[in-house]
Amino acid sequence: MDGMEQVSARGEELSQAGRLFFDRGWVPATAGNFSARLDARHMVITASGRHKGELGAGDFLVVGLEDETLKDVRPPGGKPSAETALHLRRYRSGPDVGAVLHTHSLAATVLSRLSPGGVVLEGYEVLKALPGVDSHTARLEVPVFGNDQDIPRLAARVEAHLSEHPGLPGYLIEGHGLYTWGRSVADARRHVEAFEFLLACELEVRRLSR
């Protein structure tokens, strides 16, 4: 598969994820951003301001993984997602990260505001859909980071935490939503589906327990 074919293939996988997520209400308006690794030096990522339920071939950009200034972008002049630095840092953490997906569901957004210290998920069978979890009895503490419009600063804070807690499969940004990743787009999409179900369950439990 040559470079252009690879970009097209990863873009189609991300487009399919976008349609699924939009249909489920997880990426309203132009919210969310998706990316996939192309090779050791590049990723493909959604362009800024694109509707994630209607992504097409022209809605993706190739970005160099080492370029914090976002000048290594193809096609030239393209504007990648404002949160590109959060993706770059994840890919640079290791080769096992092959895709990064970000959603803005109601459950993730509300729980992230109600739980500034983190959301604890425990006792749910669907936890086993996440990497490193082999029992419903597992206790998963999903960190919540305060929102910050300085994305490189936020990305540095996130990665510092993740390096101290290896194996975490995702995190929340307060009032913003979920970030998760996987070895492939398919893996990352499965993790989104698992997280979104678990977060919806947790929000409903809290509502019924009032």
N, C-alpha and C. Protein backbone atom coordinates (compact mmCIF):
# COMPACT_ATOMS: atom_id res chain seq x y z
N MET A 1 0.86 -1.19 0.00
CA MET A 1 0.00 0.00 0.00
C MET A 1 0.89 1.25 0.00
N ASP A 2 0.74 2.12 -1.03
CA ASP A 2 1.58 3.32 -1.07
C ASP A 2 1.01 4.38 -0.13
N GLY A 3 1.74 5.54 -0.06
CA GLY A 3 1.36 6.56 0.89
C GLY A 3 -0.06 7.08 0.73
N MET A 4 -0.45 7.39 -0.50
CA MET A 4 -1.78 7.93 -0.74
C MET A 4 -2.87 6.90 -0.44
N GLU A 5 -2.60 5.65 -0.78
CA GLU A 5 -3.57 4.59 -0.47
C GLU A 5 -3.74 4.43 1.03
N GLN A 6 -2.64 4.55 1.76
CA GLN A 6 -2.69 4.42 3.21
C GLN A 6 -3.49 5.57 3.82
N VAL A 7 -3.25 6.79 3.34
CA VAL A 7 -4.01 7.94 3.82
C VAL A 7 -5.50 7.73 3.56
N SER A 8 -5.82 7.26 2.35
CA SER A 8 -7.21 7.03 1.99
C SER A 8 -7.85 5.95 2.87
N ALA A 9 -7.10 4.86 3.12
CA ALA A 9 -7.63 3.76 3.92
C ALA A 9 -7.87 4.19 5.36
N ARG A 10 -6.90 4.90 5.95
CA ARG A 10 -7.09 5.36 7.33
C ARG A 10 -8.21 6.39 7.40
N GLY A 11 -8.30 7.25 6.39
CA GLY A 11 -9.35 8.24 6.36
C GLY A 11 -10.73 7.61 6.30
N GLU A 12 -10.86 6.54 5.51
CA GLU A 12 -12.15 5.86 5.42
C GLU A 12 -12.52 5.20 6.74
N GLU A 13 -11.54 4.61 7.42
CA GLU A 13 -11.82 4.02 8.73
C GLU A 13 -12.30 5.08 9.73
N LEU A 14 -11.64 6.24 9.71
CA LEU A 14 -12.02 7.31 10.62
C LEU A 14 -13.39 7.89 10.24
N SER A 15 -13.68 7.94 8.95
CA SER A 15 -14.99 8.43 8.50
C SER A 15 -16.10 7.51 8.98
N GLN A 16 -15.87 6.22 8.91
CA GLN A 16 -16.86 5.26 9.38
C GLN A 16 -17.10 5.43 10.88
N ALA A 17 -16.01 5.63 11.62
CA ALA A 17 -16.15 5.87 13.06
C ALA A 17 -16.95 7.15 13.31
N GLY A 18 -16.67 8.18 12.52
CA GLY A 18 -17.38 9.45 12.68
C GLY A 18 -18.87 9.32 12.46
N ARG A 19 -19.27 8.56 11.46
CA ARG A 19 -20.69 8.36 11.20
C ARG A 19 -21.37 7.62 12.35
N LEU A 20 -20.69 6.60 12.85
CA LEU A 20 -21.23 5.84 13.99
C LEU A 20 -21.38 6.73 15.22
N PHE A 21 -20.34 7.50 15.51
CA PHE A 21 -20.35 8.33 16.71
C PHE A 21 -21.41 9.44 16.60
N PHE A 22 -21.55 10.02 15.40
CA PHE A 22 -22.57 11.05 15.23
C PHE A 22 -23.97 10.47 15.41
N ASP A 23 -24.19 9.30 14.83
CA ASP A 23 -25.51 8.67 14.95
C ASP A 23 -25.87 8.41 16.41
N ARG A 24 -24.86 8.18 17.24
CA ARG A 24 -25.11 7.91 18.65
C ARG A 24 -25.08 9.16 19.53
N GLY A 25 -24.89 10.32 18.90
CA GLY A 25 -24.92 11.57 19.64
C GLY A 25 -23.64 11.89 20.38
N TRP A 26 -22.53 11.31 19.97
CA TRP A 26 -21.27 11.50 20.70
C TRP A 26 -20.39 12.59 20.11
N VAL A 27 -20.71 13.10 18.92
CA VAL A 27 -19.92 14.17 18.30
C VAL A 27 -20.87 15.20 17.68
N PRO A 28 -21.60 15.97 18.50
CA PRO A 28 -22.54 16.95 17.95
C PRO A 28 -21.83 18.08 17.22
N ALA A 29 -22.57 18.67 16.28
CA ALA A 29 -22.04 19.80 15.50
C ALA A 29 -20.70 19.39 14.87
N THR A 30 -19.65 20.18 15.08
CA THR A 30 -18.33 19.82 14.53
C THR A 30 -17.39 19.33 15.63
N ALA A 31 -17.95 18.92 16.77
CA ALA A 31 -17.14 18.49 17.91
C ALA A 31 -16.36 17.22 17.60
N GLY A 32 -15.30 17.00 18.38
CA GLY A 32 -14.50 15.79 18.27
C GLY A 32 -13.36 15.93 17.29
N ASN A 33 -12.40 15.03 17.39
CA ASN A 33 -11.32 14.94 16.41
C ASN A 33 -10.76 13.53 16.43
N PHE A 34 -10.34 13.06 15.26
CA PHE A 34 -9.89 11.68 15.07
C PHE A 34 -8.55 11.67 14.34
N SER A 35 -7.71 10.71 14.67
CA SER A 35 -6.45 10.57 13.95
C SER A 35 -6.02 9.10 13.91
N ALA A 36 -5.09 8.82 13.00
CA ALA A 36 -4.51 7.47 12.88
C ALA A 36 -3.06 7.59 12.45
N ARG A 37 -2.22 6.73 12.99
CA ARG A 37 -0.80 6.72 12.61
C ARG A 37 -0.65 6.20 11.19
N LEU A 38 0.21 6.86 10.42
CA LEU A 38 0.54 6.39 9.08
C LEU A 38 1.85 5.61 9.09
N ASP A 39 2.85 6.14 9.78
CA ASP A 39 4.15 5.49 9.90
C ASP A 39 4.84 6.07 11.13
N ALA A 40 6.12 5.86 11.26
CA ALA A 40 6.84 6.31 12.45
C ALA A 40 6.93 7.83 12.56
N ARG A 41 6.64 8.53 11.45
CA ARG A 41 6.84 9.99 11.44
C ARG A 41 5.60 10.80 11.11
N HIS A 42 4.49 10.14 10.77
CA HIS A 42 3.32 10.90 10.32
C HIS A 42 2.01 10.30 10.83
N MET A 43 1.02 11.15 10.95
CA MET A 43 -0.34 10.72 11.24
C MET A 43 -1.29 11.43 10.28
N VAL A 44 -2.49 10.90 10.16
CA VAL A 44 -3.56 11.58 9.45
C VAL A 44 -4.57 12.01 10.50
N ILE A 45 -5.09 13.25 10.40
CA ILE A 45 -5.99 13.79 11.41
C ILE A 45 -7.08 14.61 10.75
N THR A 46 -8.23 14.69 11.40
CA THR A 46 -9.32 15.49 10.86
C THR A 46 -8.94 16.97 10.83
N ALA A 47 -9.35 17.63 9.75
CA ALA A 47 -9.14 19.08 9.65
C ALA A 47 -10.08 19.80 10.60
N SER A 48 -9.72 20.99 10.99
CA SER A 48 -10.50 21.77 11.94
C SER A 48 -11.88 22.12 11.37
N GLY A 49 -12.90 22.04 12.23
CA GLY A 49 -14.23 22.51 11.86
C GLY A 49 -15.05 21.60 10.99
N ARG A 50 -14.63 20.35 10.82
CA ARG A 50 -15.37 19.42 9.97
C ARG A 50 -16.43 18.68 10.77
N HIS A 51 -17.57 18.45 10.15
CA HIS A 51 -18.66 17.68 10.76
C HIS A 51 -18.26 16.22 10.75
N LYS A 52 -18.20 15.59 11.92
CA LYS A 52 -17.65 14.24 12.00
C LYS A 52 -18.60 13.16 11.47
N GLY A 53 -19.87 13.50 11.28
CA GLY A 53 -20.78 12.55 10.68
C GLY A 53 -20.80 12.60 9.16
N GLU A 54 -20.04 13.55 8.58
CA GLU A 54 -20.05 13.75 7.14
C GLU A 54 -18.64 13.84 6.56
N LEU A 55 -17.70 13.15 7.17
CA LEU A 55 -16.30 13.24 6.73
C LEU A 55 -16.11 12.62 5.35
N GLY A 56 -15.29 13.30 4.54
CA GLY A 56 -14.92 12.79 3.23
C GLY A 56 -13.43 12.86 3.04
N ALA A 57 -12.95 12.49 1.87
CA ALA A 57 -11.51 12.43 1.62
C ALA A 57 -10.81 13.76 1.83
N GLY A 58 -11.50 14.86 1.59
CA GLY A 58 -10.88 16.18 1.73
C GLY A 58 -10.87 16.72 3.15
N ASP A 59 -11.32 15.93 4.10
CA ASP A 59 -11.44 16.40 5.48
C ASP A 59 -10.32 15.91 6.38
N PHE A 60 -9.24 15.38 5.77
CA PHE A 60 -8.11 14.85 6.53
C PHE A 60 -6.81 15.49 6.09
N LEU A 61 -5.90 15.65 7.05
CA LEU A 61 -4.59 16.21 6.78
C LEU A 61 -3.51 15.27 7.30
N VAL A 62 -2.36 15.28 6.66
CA VAL A 62 -1.20 14.53 7.13
C VAL A 62 -0.31 15.48 7.90
N VAL A 63 0.06 15.09 9.13
CA VAL A 63 0.86 15.95 10.01
C VAL A 63 2.06 15.17 10.51
N GLY A 64 3.21 15.82 10.54
CA GLY A 64 4.42 15.21 11.07
C GLY A 64 4.34 15.06 12.57
N LEU A 65 4.75 13.92 13.10
CA LEU A 65 4.60 13.64 14.52
C LEU A 65 5.57 14.45 15.40
N GLU A 66 6.64 14.96 14.83
CA GLU A 66 7.61 15.71 15.62
C GLU A 66 7.43 17.21 15.50
N ASP A 67 6.40 17.66 14.81
CA ASP A 67 6.26 19.09 14.50
C ASP A 67 5.26 19.77 15.43
N GLU A 68 5.76 20.31 16.54
CA GLU A 68 4.89 21.00 17.49
C GLU A 68 4.32 22.29 16.90
N THR A 69 5.00 22.88 15.91
CA THR A 69 4.54 24.14 15.32
C THR A 69 3.46 23.92 14.26
N LEU A 70 3.21 22.64 13.90
CA LEU A 70 2.19 22.27 12.92
C LEU A 70 2.45 22.92 11.55
N LYS A 71 3.73 23.01 11.20
CA LYS A 71 4.07 23.50 9.86
C LYS A 71 4.25 22.35 8.87
N ASP A 72 4.49 21.14 9.39
CA ASP A 72 4.65 19.97 8.54
C ASP A 72 3.27 19.36 8.28
N VAL A 73 2.47 20.04 7.44
CA VAL A 73 1.10 19.64 7.17
C VAL A 73 0.91 19.49 5.67
N ARG A 74 0.23 18.43 5.27
CA ARG A 74 -0.12 18.23 3.86
C ARG A 74 -1.61 17.98 3.76
N PRO A 75 -2.29 18.62 2.78
CA PRO A 75 -1.76 19.61 1.84
C PRO A 75 -1.33 20.88 2.57
N PRO A 76 -0.36 21.62 2.01
CA PRO A 76 0.11 22.85 2.63
C PRO A 76 -1.04 23.84 2.82
N GLY A 77 -1.02 24.53 3.96
CA GLY A 77 -2.07 25.50 4.23
C GLY A 77 -3.27 24.91 4.95
N GLY A 78 -3.32 23.58 5.07
CA GLY A 78 -4.42 22.95 5.78
C GLY A 78 -4.39 23.28 7.26
N LYS A 79 -5.56 23.33 7.89
CA LYS A 79 -5.65 23.65 9.30
C LYS A 79 -6.11 22.42 10.07
N PRO A 80 -5.19 21.73 10.76
CA PRO A 80 -5.58 20.55 11.54
C PRO A 80 -6.36 20.95 12.78
N SER A 81 -6.96 19.97 13.42
CA SER A 81 -7.72 20.20 14.64
C SER A 81 -6.94 21.04 15.63
N ALA A 82 -7.66 21.91 16.35
CA ALA A 82 -7.02 22.76 17.36
C ALA A 82 -6.36 21.93 18.45
N GLU A 83 -6.78 20.67 18.61
CA GLU A 83 -6.25 19.83 19.68
C GLU A 83 -5.22 18.82 19.19
N THR A 84 -4.59 19.15 18.07
CA THR A 84 -3.62 18.24 17.46
C THR A 84 -2.50 17.85 18.42
N ALA A 85 -2.07 18.77 19.26
CA ALA A 85 -0.95 18.47 20.18
C ALA A 85 -1.27 17.31 21.11
N LEU A 86 -2.54 17.15 21.49
CA LEU A 86 -2.93 16.02 22.34
C LEU A 86 -2.72 14.70 21.60
N HIS A 87 -2.96 14.70 20.31
CA HIS A 87 -2.73 13.50 19.49
C HIS A 87 -1.23 13.26 19.32
N LEU A 88 -0.49 14.30 18.98
CA LEU A 88 0.95 14.15 18.76
C LEU A 88 1.63 13.52 19.97
N ARG A 89 1.31 14.01 21.16
CA ARG A 89 1.94 13.49 22.37
C ARG A 89 1.62 12.02 22.59
N ARG A 90 0.40 11.59 22.28
CA ARG A 90 0.03 10.19 22.44
C ARG A 90 0.86 9.31 21.50
N TYR A 91 1.00 9.71 20.24
CA TYR A 91 1.77 8.89 19.29
C TYR A 91 3.24 8.82 19.69
N ARG A 92 3.75 9.90 20.22
CA ARG A 92 5.16 9.90 20.61
C ARG A 92 5.41 9.11 21.88
N SER A 93 4.35 8.72 22.58
CA SER A 93 4.52 7.94 23.81
C SER A 93 4.93 6.50 23.52
N GLY A 94 4.70 6.03 22.28
CA GLY A 94 5.10 4.67 21.95
C GLY A 94 4.41 4.15 20.70
N PRO A 95 4.99 3.16 20.05
CA PRO A 95 4.45 2.65 18.78
C PRO A 95 3.14 1.88 18.92
N ASP A 96 2.73 1.54 20.15
CA ASP A 96 1.48 0.81 20.33
C ASP A 96 0.26 1.69 20.09
N VAL A 97 0.45 3.00 20.06
CA VAL A 97 -0.67 3.91 19.79
C VAL A 97 -0.80 4.07 18.28
N GLY A 98 -1.87 3.49 17.73
CA GLY A 98 -2.08 3.55 16.28
C GLY A 98 -3.23 4.43 15.87
N ALA A 99 -4.07 4.84 16.83
CA ALA A 99 -5.20 5.73 16.54
C ALA A 99 -5.64 6.41 17.82
N VAL A 100 -6.10 7.64 17.70
CA VAL A 100 -6.58 8.42 18.84
C VAL A 100 -7.93 9.01 18.45
N LEU A 101 -8.94 8.83 19.31
CA LEU A 101 -10.29 9.30 19.02
C LEU A 101 -10.79 10.14 20.19
N HIS A 102 -11.46 11.24 19.86
CA HIS A 102 -11.98 12.17 20.87
C HIS A 102 -13.46 12.44 20.60
N THR A 103 -14.30 12.20 21.61
CA THR A 103 -15.74 12.40 21.49
C THR A 103 -16.24 13.40 22.52
N HIS A 104 -17.44 13.92 22.28
CA HIS A 104 -18.05 14.95 23.12
C HIS A 104 -19.44 14.53 23.55
N SER A 105 -19.60 13.36 24.11
CA SER A 105 -20.93 12.90 24.48
C SER A 105 -21.47 13.65 25.69
N LEU A 106 -22.78 13.56 25.86
CA LEU A 106 -23.42 14.18 27.02
C LEU A 106 -22.88 13.56 28.31
N ALA A 107 -22.80 12.23 28.36
CA ALA A 107 -22.36 11.56 29.58
C ALA A 107 -20.93 11.96 29.95
N ALA A 108 -20.02 11.94 28.98
CA ALA A 108 -18.63 12.28 29.26
C ALA A 108 -18.51 13.74 29.70
N THR A 109 -19.25 14.62 29.04
CA THR A 109 -19.18 16.04 29.35
C THR A 109 -19.71 16.32 30.76
N VAL A 110 -20.88 15.77 31.09
CA VAL A 110 -21.48 16.03 32.39
C VAL A 110 -20.67 15.40 33.52
N LEU A 111 -20.28 14.13 33.35
CA LEU A 111 -19.51 13.47 34.41
C LEU A 111 -18.18 14.16 34.65
N SER A 112 -17.57 14.68 33.60
CA SER A 112 -16.28 15.35 33.77
C SER A 112 -16.43 16.63 34.59
N ARG A 113 -17.62 17.24 34.56
CA ARG A 113 -17.87 18.43 35.37
C ARG A 113 -18.25 18.07 36.81
N LEU A 114 -18.90 16.92 36.98
CA LEU A 114 -19.30 16.49 38.31
C LEU A 114 -18.15 15.84 39.09
N SER A 115 -17.09 15.44 38.37
CA SER A 115 -16.03 14.63 38.99
C SER A 115 -14.66 15.20 38.68
N PRO A 116 -14.33 16.39 39.19
CA PRO A 116 -13.04 16.99 38.85
C PRO A 116 -11.83 16.16 39.29
N GLY A 117 -12.02 15.29 40.27
CA GLY A 117 -10.92 14.45 40.71
C GLY A 117 -10.76 13.17 39.91
N GLY A 118 -11.70 12.87 39.02
CA GLY A 118 -11.65 11.64 38.23
C GLY A 118 -12.93 10.84 38.39
N VAL A 119 -13.23 10.01 37.42
CA VAL A 119 -14.42 9.16 37.43
C VAL A 119 -13.99 7.73 37.69
N VAL A 120 -14.58 7.10 38.70
CA VAL A 120 -14.26 5.71 39.03
C VAL A 120 -15.31 4.80 38.39
N LEU A 121 -14.85 3.83 37.62
CA LEU A 121 -15.73 2.84 37.00
C LEU A 121 -15.39 1.48 37.60
N GLU A 122 -16.39 0.83 38.17
CA GLU A 122 -16.15 -0.42 38.88
C GLU A 122 -17.43 -1.27 38.88
N GLY A 123 -17.27 -2.59 38.66
CA GLY A 123 -18.40 -3.49 38.75
C GLY A 123 -19.16 -3.69 37.45
N TYR A 124 -18.66 -3.13 36.37
CA TYR A 124 -19.34 -3.25 35.07
C TYR A 124 -18.66 -4.31 34.20
N GLU A 125 -19.44 -5.21 33.63
CA GLU A 125 -18.89 -6.25 32.76
C GLU A 125 -18.18 -5.67 31.54
N VAL A 126 -18.72 -4.57 31.00
CA VAL A 126 -18.16 -3.98 29.78
C VAL A 126 -16.77 -3.40 30.00
N LEU A 127 -16.35 -3.27 31.24
CA LEU A 127 -14.96 -2.85 31.51
C LEU A 127 -13.97 -3.76 30.80
N LYS A 128 -14.35 -5.04 30.60
CA LYS A 128 -13.43 -5.99 29.98
C LYS A 128 -13.18 -5.71 28.51
N ALA A 129 -13.93 -4.77 27.92
CA ALA A 129 -13.66 -4.37 26.54
C ALA A 129 -12.48 -3.41 26.44
N LEU A 130 -11.99 -2.95 27.59
CA LEU A 130 -10.87 -2.02 27.61
C LEU A 130 -9.56 -2.77 27.85
N PRO A 131 -8.46 -2.29 27.29
CA PRO A 131 -7.19 -3.01 27.43
C PRO A 131 -6.73 -3.07 28.87
N GLY A 132 -6.20 -4.22 29.25
CA GLY A 132 -5.66 -4.40 30.58
C GLY A 132 -6.68 -4.73 31.64
N VAL A 133 -7.96 -4.87 31.27
CA VAL A 133 -9.02 -5.18 32.22
C VAL A 133 -9.54 -6.58 31.93
N ASP A 134 -9.49 -7.48 32.91
CA ASP A 134 -9.92 -8.86 32.68
C ASP A 134 -11.02 -9.32 33.62
N SER A 135 -11.59 -8.38 34.39
CA SER A 135 -12.66 -8.76 35.31
C SER A 135 -13.58 -7.56 35.56
N HIS A 136 -14.86 -7.85 35.77
CA HIS A 136 -15.80 -6.79 36.09
C HIS A 136 -15.50 -6.18 37.46
N THR A 137 -14.71 -6.87 38.25
CA THR A 137 -14.38 -6.36 39.59
C THR A 137 -13.26 -5.33 39.56
N ALA A 138 -12.67 -5.12 38.39
CA ALA A 138 -11.57 -4.16 38.27
C ALA A 138 -12.06 -2.75 38.62
N ARG A 139 -11.18 -1.97 39.16
CA ARG A 139 -11.48 -0.58 39.48
C ARG A 139 -10.65 0.30 38.54
N LEU A 140 -11.34 1.05 37.68
CA LEU A 140 -10.66 1.92 36.72
C LEU A 140 -10.92 3.36 37.10
N GLU A 141 -9.86 4.08 37.41
CA GLU A 141 -9.96 5.50 37.74
C GLU A 141 -9.60 6.30 36.49
N VAL A 142 -10.59 6.93 35.89
CA VAL A 142 -10.40 7.71 34.67
C VAL A 142 -10.08 9.14 35.07
N PRO A 143 -8.87 9.63 34.79
CA PRO A 143 -8.53 10.99 35.23
C PRO A 143 -9.31 12.05 34.48
N VAL A 144 -9.56 13.15 35.16
CA VAL A 144 -10.22 14.31 34.56
C VAL A 144 -9.25 15.48 34.65
N PHE A 145 -8.94 16.07 33.52
CA PHE A 145 -8.03 17.22 33.47
C PHE A 145 -8.83 18.50 33.24
N GLY A 146 -8.46 19.56 33.96
CA GLY A 146 -9.12 20.83 33.74
C GLY A 146 -8.90 21.31 32.32
N ASN A 147 -9.92 21.89 31.74
CA ASN A 147 -9.82 22.36 30.36
C ASN A 147 -8.82 23.52 30.27
N ASP A 148 -8.21 23.67 29.12
CA ASP A 148 -7.18 24.70 28.93
C ASP A 148 -7.12 25.00 27.44
N GLN A 149 -7.26 26.26 27.08
CA GLN A 149 -7.18 26.62 25.66
C GLN A 149 -5.74 26.62 25.14
N ASP A 150 -4.77 26.53 26.06
CA ASP A 150 -3.37 26.35 25.66
C ASP A 150 -3.15 24.84 25.51
N ILE A 151 -3.38 24.34 24.31
CA ILE A 151 -3.38 22.89 24.09
C ILE A 151 -2.02 22.25 24.32
N PRO A 152 -0.91 22.83 23.86
CA PRO A 152 0.39 22.22 24.18
C PRO A 152 0.63 22.09 25.68
N ARG A 153 0.21 23.08 26.45
CA ARG A 153 0.36 23.00 27.91
C ARG A 153 -0.52 21.89 28.48
N LEU A 154 -1.76 21.80 27.99
CA LEU A 154 -2.65 20.73 28.43
C LEU A 154 -2.08 19.37 28.06
N ALA A 155 -1.55 19.25 26.84
CA ALA A 155 -0.99 17.97 26.38
C ALA A 155 0.19 17.55 27.25
N ALA A 156 1.02 18.51 27.64
CA ALA A 156 2.17 18.18 28.50
C ALA A 156 1.68 17.68 29.86
N ARG A 157 0.63 18.29 30.40
CA ARG A 157 0.09 17.87 31.68
C ARG A 157 -0.51 16.47 31.60
N VAL A 158 -1.24 16.23 30.53
CA VAL A 158 -1.85 14.91 30.33
C VAL A 158 -0.78 13.83 30.23
N GLU A 159 0.22 14.05 29.40
CA GLU A 159 1.23 13.03 29.19
C GLU A 159 2.08 12.78 30.43
N ALA A 160 2.30 13.82 31.23
CA ALA A 160 3.03 13.63 32.48
C ALA A 160 2.27 12.67 33.39
N HIS A 161 0.94 12.84 33.44
CA HIS A 161 0.12 11.95 34.27
C HIS A 161 0.11 10.53 33.71
N LEU A 162 -0.05 10.41 32.39
CA LEU A 162 -0.12 9.08 31.78
C LEU A 162 1.20 8.33 31.91
N SER A 163 2.30 9.05 31.88
CA SER A 163 3.60 8.38 32.05
C SER A 163 3.77 7.84 33.47
N GLU A 164 3.11 8.49 34.43
CA GLU A 164 3.16 8.03 35.82
C GLU A 164 2.14 6.93 36.09
N HIS A 165 1.17 6.77 35.19
CA HIS A 165 0.12 5.75 35.35
C HIS A 165 -0.01 4.96 34.05
N PRO A 166 1.01 4.20 33.71
CA PRO A 166 0.98 3.45 32.44
C PRO A 166 -0.17 2.45 32.41
N GLY A 167 -0.74 2.29 31.25
CA GLY A 167 -1.84 1.34 31.10
C GLY A 167 -3.21 1.97 31.11
N LEU A 168 -3.31 3.24 31.50
CA LEU A 168 -4.61 3.90 31.45
C LEU A 168 -5.10 3.94 30.00
N PRO A 169 -6.35 3.57 29.75
CA PRO A 169 -6.84 3.51 28.37
C PRO A 169 -7.55 4.77 27.89
N GLY A 170 -7.66 5.79 28.75
CA GLY A 170 -8.36 6.99 28.32
C GLY A 170 -8.39 8.02 29.43
N TYR A 171 -8.89 9.22 29.09
CA TYR A 171 -9.03 10.28 30.07
C TYR A 171 -10.14 11.22 29.62
N LEU A 172 -10.56 12.08 30.56
CA LEU A 172 -11.59 13.08 30.29
C LEU A 172 -11.01 14.48 30.48
N ILE A 173 -11.53 15.42 29.72
CA ILE A 173 -11.23 16.84 29.92
C ILE A 173 -12.51 17.49 30.43
N GLU A 174 -12.38 18.26 31.48
CA GLU A 174 -13.56 18.81 32.16
C GLU A 174 -14.43 19.65 31.24
N GLY A 175 -15.72 19.31 31.18
CA GLY A 175 -16.66 20.03 30.34
C GLY A 175 -16.43 19.84 28.86
N HIS A 176 -15.66 18.84 28.52
CA HIS A 176 -15.17 18.71 27.14
C HIS A 176 -15.45 17.33 26.55
N GLY A 177 -14.92 16.28 27.16
CA GLY A 177 -15.21 14.96 26.63
C GLY A 177 -14.10 13.95 26.84
N LEU A 178 -14.17 12.88 26.07
CA LEU A 178 -13.33 11.69 26.23
C LEU A 178 -12.23 11.63 25.18
N TYR A 179 -11.05 11.21 25.61
CA TYR A 179 -9.96 10.81 24.71
C TYR A 179 -9.60 9.36 25.00
N THR A 180 -9.51 8.56 23.96
CA THR A 180 -9.02 7.20 24.10
C THR A 180 -8.26 6.82 22.84
N TRP A 181 -7.60 5.67 22.86
CA TRP A 181 -6.70 5.30 21.76
C TRP A 181 -6.61 3.79 21.68
N GLY A 182 -5.90 3.30 20.65
CA GLY A 182 -5.72 1.86 20.49
C GLY A 182 -4.66 1.57 19.46
N ARG A 183 -4.36 0.30 19.28
CA ARG A 183 -3.35 -0.11 18.30
C ARG A 183 -3.80 0.18 16.87
N SER A 184 -5.10 0.22 16.66
CA SER A 184 -5.67 0.47 15.34
C SER A 184 -6.92 1.31 15.50
N VAL A 185 -7.47 1.78 14.37
CA VAL A 185 -8.72 2.53 14.44
C VAL A 185 -9.82 1.65 15.01
N ALA A 186 -9.85 0.39 14.61
CA ALA A 186 -10.88 -0.53 15.11
C ALA A 186 -10.79 -0.69 16.62
N ASP A 187 -9.57 -0.83 17.14
CA ASP A 187 -9.39 -0.95 18.59
C ASP A 187 -9.85 0.32 19.31
N ALA A 188 -9.42 1.46 18.79
CA ALA A 188 -9.80 2.73 19.43
C ALA A 188 -11.30 2.94 19.38
N ARG A 189 -11.93 2.55 18.28
CA ARG A 189 -13.39 2.69 18.17
C ARG A 189 -14.09 1.81 19.21
N ARG A 190 -13.59 0.60 19.41
CA ARG A 190 -14.16 -0.29 20.43
C ARG A 190 -14.02 0.34 21.82
N HIS A 191 -12.89 0.98 22.07
CA HIS A 191 -12.68 1.60 23.37
C HIS A 191 -13.63 2.78 23.56
N VAL A 192 -13.88 3.56 22.50
CA VAL A 192 -14.87 4.64 22.60
C VAL A 192 -16.23 4.07 22.96
N GLU A 193 -16.65 3.02 22.25
CA GLU A 193 -17.97 2.43 22.51
C GLU A 193 -18.07 1.93 23.94
N ALA A 194 -17.02 1.28 24.43
CA ALA A 194 -17.03 0.78 25.80
C ALA A 194 -17.10 1.93 26.81
N PHE A 195 -16.23 2.91 26.63
CA PHE A 195 -16.21 4.05 27.55
C PHE A 195 -17.55 4.78 27.55
N GLU A 196 -18.10 5.02 26.37
CA GLU A 196 -19.34 5.79 26.32
C GLU A 196 -20.49 5.04 27.00
N PHE A 197 -20.54 3.72 26.85
CA PHE A 197 -21.55 2.92 27.55
C PHE A 197 -21.34 3.01 29.06
N LEU A 198 -20.10 2.84 29.50
CA LEU A 198 -19.79 2.86 30.93
C LEU A 198 -20.08 4.22 31.55
N LEU A 199 -19.73 5.29 30.84
CA LEU A 199 -19.98 6.62 31.36
C LEU A 199 -21.48 6.91 31.43
N ALA A 200 -22.24 6.43 30.44
CA ALA A 200 -23.69 6.60 30.46
C ALA A 200 -24.30 5.84 31.64
N CYS A 201 -23.79 4.63 31.89
CA CYS A 201 -24.26 3.86 33.04
C CYS A 201 -23.97 4.60 34.34
N GLU A 202 -22.76 5.10 34.46
CA GLU A 202 -22.38 5.79 35.70
C GLU A 202 -23.22 7.04 35.92
N LEU A 203 -23.50 7.78 34.86
CA LEU A 203 -24.33 8.97 34.99
C LEU A 203 -25.75 8.59 35.41
N GLU A 204 -26.28 7.50 34.86
CA GLU A 204 -27.62 7.06 35.22
C GLU A 204 -27.67 6.57 36.65
N VAL A 205 -26.65 5.85 37.10
CA VAL A 205 -26.60 5.40 38.49
C VAL A 205 -26.63 6.60 39.44
N ARG A 206 -25.88 7.62 39.11
CA ARG A 206 -25.86 8.81 39.97
C ARG A 206 -27.23 9.50 39.98
N ARG A 207 -27.87 9.53 38.83
CA ARG A 207 -29.18 10.17 38.76
C ARG A 207 -30.20 9.42 39.61
N LEU A 208 -30.19 8.09 39.49
CA LEU A 208 -31.17 7.27 40.23
C LEU A 208 -30.87 7.21 41.72
N SER A 209 -29.64 7.50 42.09
CA SER A 209 -29.25 7.40 43.50
C SER A 209 -29.52 8.69 44.27
N ARG A 210 -29.96 9.70 43.60
CA ARG A 210 -30.19 11.00 44.26
C ARG A 210 -31.39 10.93 45.21
